[in-house]
Protein backbone atom coordinates (compact mmCIF):
# COMPACT_ATOMS: atom_id res chain seq x y z
CA MET A 1 5.53 76.17 -91.54
CA THR A 2 3.88 78.42 -94.09
CA TYR A 3 5.29 79.49 -97.42
CA CYS A 4 5.84 82.99 -96.02
CA SER A 5 8.08 81.57 -93.29
CA VAL A 6 10.05 79.62 -95.88
CA ASP A 7 10.55 82.83 -97.88
CA TRP A 8 11.76 84.61 -94.73
CA MET A 9 14.27 81.81 -94.13
CA LYS A 10 15.54 82.08 -97.71
CA ILE A 11 16.02 85.84 -97.35
CA SER A 12 17.87 85.33 -94.07
CA LYS A 13 20.20 82.78 -95.67
CA ALA A 14 20.77 85.07 -98.66
CA LEU A 15 21.83 87.91 -96.33
CA ASP A 16 24.24 85.57 -94.57
CA ARG A 17 25.74 84.43 -97.87
CA THR A 18 26.06 88.01 -99.14
CA TYR A 19 27.88 89.03 -95.98
CA GLU A 20 30.21 86.01 -96.20
CA CYS A 21 31.02 86.78 -99.85
CA LEU A 22 31.83 90.39 -99.01
CA VAL A 23 34.10 89.30 -96.17
CA GLN A 24 35.95 86.89 -98.46
CA GLN A 25 36.41 89.65 -101.05
CA ASN A 26 37.75 92.05 -98.41
CA ALA A 27 34.98 94.55 -99.07
CA ASP A 28 35.12 98.06 -97.66
CA ASP A 29 34.57 98.10 -93.88
CA GLU A 30 31.71 100.59 -94.19
CA HIS A 31 29.84 98.31 -96.60
CA LEU A 32 30.41 95.33 -94.31
CA LYS A 33 29.04 97.29 -91.35
CA GLN A 34 25.93 98.24 -93.32
CA ILE A 35 25.31 94.67 -94.46
CA GLU A 36 25.92 93.32 -90.96
CA ALA A 37 23.48 95.85 -89.48
CA ALA A 38 20.85 94.93 -92.07
CA LYS A 39 21.45 91.25 -91.39
CA ASN A 40 21.00 91.75 -87.64
CA MET A 41 17.82 93.81 -88.09
CA TRP A 42 16.44 91.19 -90.45
CA LYS A 43 17.16 88.39 -87.98
CA GLN A 44 15.40 90.31 -85.20
CA ALA A 45 12.34 90.80 -87.42
CA PHE A 46 12.48 87.15 -88.49
CA THR A 47 12.68 85.97 -84.87
CA TYR A 48 9.77 88.22 -83.90
CA ARG A 49 7.66 86.94 -86.80
CA ILE A 50 8.38 83.28 -86.03
CA SER A 51 7.77 83.70 -82.30
CA SER A 52 4.48 85.55 -82.85
CA THR A 53 3.37 82.80 -85.25
CA LEU A 54 4.17 80.11 -82.69
CA LYS A 55 2.30 81.99 -79.95
CA ALA A 56 -0.87 82.20 -82.07
């Protein structure tokens, strides 16, 4: 695994932690929806990047 992939994994984990913290703090539903959407888009991009790396 390259350093870039490790960085992507760290960003993915950070998004998960941010979302979990907001849920625990009962953040505004609109903010939670925005963070969750960003988290899902990030995970799709991450999955695409990892799969394209493995195919190469």
